[in-house]
Amino acid sequence: MSLFGSSPEDSPVAKANSTSRSKSSLFSDQPALGATSSSSLFADEPHGDSSAWNSPNQKRAARHELVKMLLPASEVPEGYIDAYDAVLDSGDKFGAGISVEGARKVLRDTGLSAEEQATILNMVVPGGRDLPNGLGRGEFNVLLALIGLAQEGEDLTFDTIDERRKRLPRPNIPYVDRLKSLNGRAIAPPENAVPVPHQSPPRRMTQGSFGDSDPWGSPALHRGHNHSVENGIGASPGANGFVASSHSATNGFAHRISSAYNAQADSATEGDRSAGQPSENTPGSVASGWGDNFPNPAGTGFGPGGNTGLGGEFGQSGDDQGNNNSNNTSRTIGGGRITSHGVEEVITINMLPEKEGMFFFQHRNYEVKSSRRGSSVIRRYSDFVWLVDCLQKRYPFRQIPLLPPKRVAVNGTHLAADSNSFLDKRRKGLVRFANSLVRHPVLNQEQLVVMFLTVPTELSVWRKQATISVQEEFTGKPLPPDLEDSLPPTLDETFDRVRSGIKRSADVYINLCNLLDRLAKRNQGLAADQFRFARALGALTDCTSDAYAVDTNDVPLLNNGINSTAKHLVASQGLLDDEARAWNDGVLEDLKIQRDCLVAMRELFDRRDRYAKDNIPQLERRIESNERKLQDLRAKPEGTVKPGEVEKVEDAIIKDKESIVQQHARGVFIKECIRDELLYFQTSQYHISRLHQDWSQERVKYAELQADNWRALCEEVEAMPTTE
């Protein structure tokens, strides 16, 4: 007997629903909603199927909401996101998501039994019918997790998924892998699969981040990484002084910093998460994030064309949502031949209208949005400055994007910091900085960058909670035995040649940006003068009848022609204004992106001159001196040498030799790092091509519009009176 009547087993509704009650409940010991009891808690409540709680539609809706929210895109490996994009791109769509038939195709190629496939499909899509909007990312993530659990022999329950949230299984689905290869994506093999060898020999690359074990890293960063630290397994000290614990797998403080971040990540819409993701790292790939797809034009000085693979293709992250012109960076570096088929990630930055702070110390805030990450955070300019300082300390030999200046001086006089033109230029500069950062194949994986873009709290508060270390990326990294031999012997000469070209190109692009800015302003000035000209013509028609009062028969036709000229001048003025705005938001921003890229590379070489130094010659001379001293000590008779003096000299020799080895390894890593940055910089040439193509097409468009405008004017003034 139950508390309110007969036991659930005696209820006819319970018997009817007993077969549908399975391990799909969030808690395995919780009965189905439709089988609560044969006796209601309230005497007037209807029994059986007439209860709203017993309605199959209500249960199906509750199940669907559970499945949809169980695994948001921010908490799954990147392989899950890539799989969703691959299936969606294959054409198996229903509404805005994937059709049930597409899910069945995925299940058929998993090696599971028909019974297991039916169970999984029924758990994700009760009834096996297409949802109104198809399977979104949440439902598909649960589908992949259940497939992985079934392949590992685990229980097929939502409880198991919830328990494995931090170490989700990676299903082996050849069908999805084939779709990824067809879409040109980097396919990351499953954990137990043998990685397919690449045609070009891989090269070891430098570590692109603090290390996967850093416990305060963002969950988005740890997607697809086969960590042994996650969920407290094999805890080890992180790069910033934390120790991974069982209660916090990827973040050292309060489950990803705050519950607000958790709620934000879980409540993000499916549309914000439909963009492409970078390809996941696997044990069989080099942990650098660099790709094999860099082009190697002849004569670049990087060795044979077939030997330039950099070990593991890095994918361009994406954003599939439109952005306004002020934030649109569709023509950006990284396109052309190495861009993946998915669109790139786009960061949008909007300036908030209200200032914050005390009266004399007020500052502007910026809303930084990433549609792929589903994040929206508030940052101030000083937060960007702090991030750049950290990146320059940790990655001194990488292309750190440029920040716009805090203030601008013209002829020694600082412009007003609150002028609209300056604030808009600074906001656009921050947009260029953020987008260059997230498209860099190494910097976009840095925990500091991820947390900067995703932590919802004020950054100064987060910095107080986190122990941040900004050690150089090569610190403590052993030198692979074949790395030094793999570098071309003429690399230093190539560096000098590229540096010279970059320095000259940067000066030219700085001048080009200034000239185009002046051209755009002249266009705006020409438009303003044409508007004044049109107004003057309009005023002229008021006095024409008086001026030609002797015979006013032709005055109406004359005024009509003058008004037509004024009308088309106003139309031309609008076209000139539109073209000037298009230049400011289009080709001028493209030129500034290229300028920033060149200046960033120029500063990279400047940092190399300052920081890539060693004292190996001094250490070698000191070792020779200590070795001679050691021989003299050993040649002396016993008893004449102070105790411990021989050991002291031996320790000094050993430490100096270790220092030489470390400094030599650092020098090799620096060469490799700069070589990789030059390969990444190589892709900017395609951005230049696209810049000129887009601008030429834009000029043709506005020239044709102006020609149509003046052609229409010619037809209208034909009716003006003449002497003939």
Foldseek 3Di string as FASTA:
>chain_A
DDPFDDDLVPDPQSVVCVVVQQQADLDNPDGQQQRPDQGDPDNPADHHCVHPSNPPVVSQVVLQVCQQLLAFPQQAAQVLLLLQLLLVVVPQFAAQGGFLVSLVLQLVQQPDDPVLSVVLSCSLRPPSHADNRGDFSSSSRLSQLQSQCVVVVHDNYSNVCNVCSFPGGGGQGVVSVVSCVVQVAFDDGHQPDDDDDDPADADAAFALAQDLLAQQFRSNLNRQPPDCPFLNGPWDAGSQGDTRHNVGGRRRPDHNPDVVLVVLSSPQDRLLANFRDKDHDYPVWHNALDAQQQADDPPLQFDDRRHPGHTGHIAATAGDDDDDLLQDPQLAFPDDRNHGSTHHKFKAKDKDPDWDDDDVDTFTKIWIDTSNSSATAIATPVLVVVLLVLCCQAEVQFLQFDADDQWDDDPNRTDDSPDPVNVSVNSSRVRLRLRVQCRPSRSVSYRVNVCVGRVHDYVVVVVVVTRDDRHHSCPPPDFDPCLLVSGRPCLVVSVVVVLVVLVVVLVVLVVVLVVLLVVLVVLLVQLVVLLVVLVVLVVVLVCQCVVPVVDCPQSVLQNQLSNLSSVLSNVLSVLSNVLSVCCVSALSSLSVSLSSSSVSLNSSVVSCVVPLDDDLVVLVVVLVVLVVVLVVQVPDDPPPDDPPPNVVSVVSNVVSVVRNSSSVSVNSSSSSNNVSNVSSVVSCVVSVVVSVVVVVVSVVVSVVVSVVSVVVSVVSSVSRDDPD
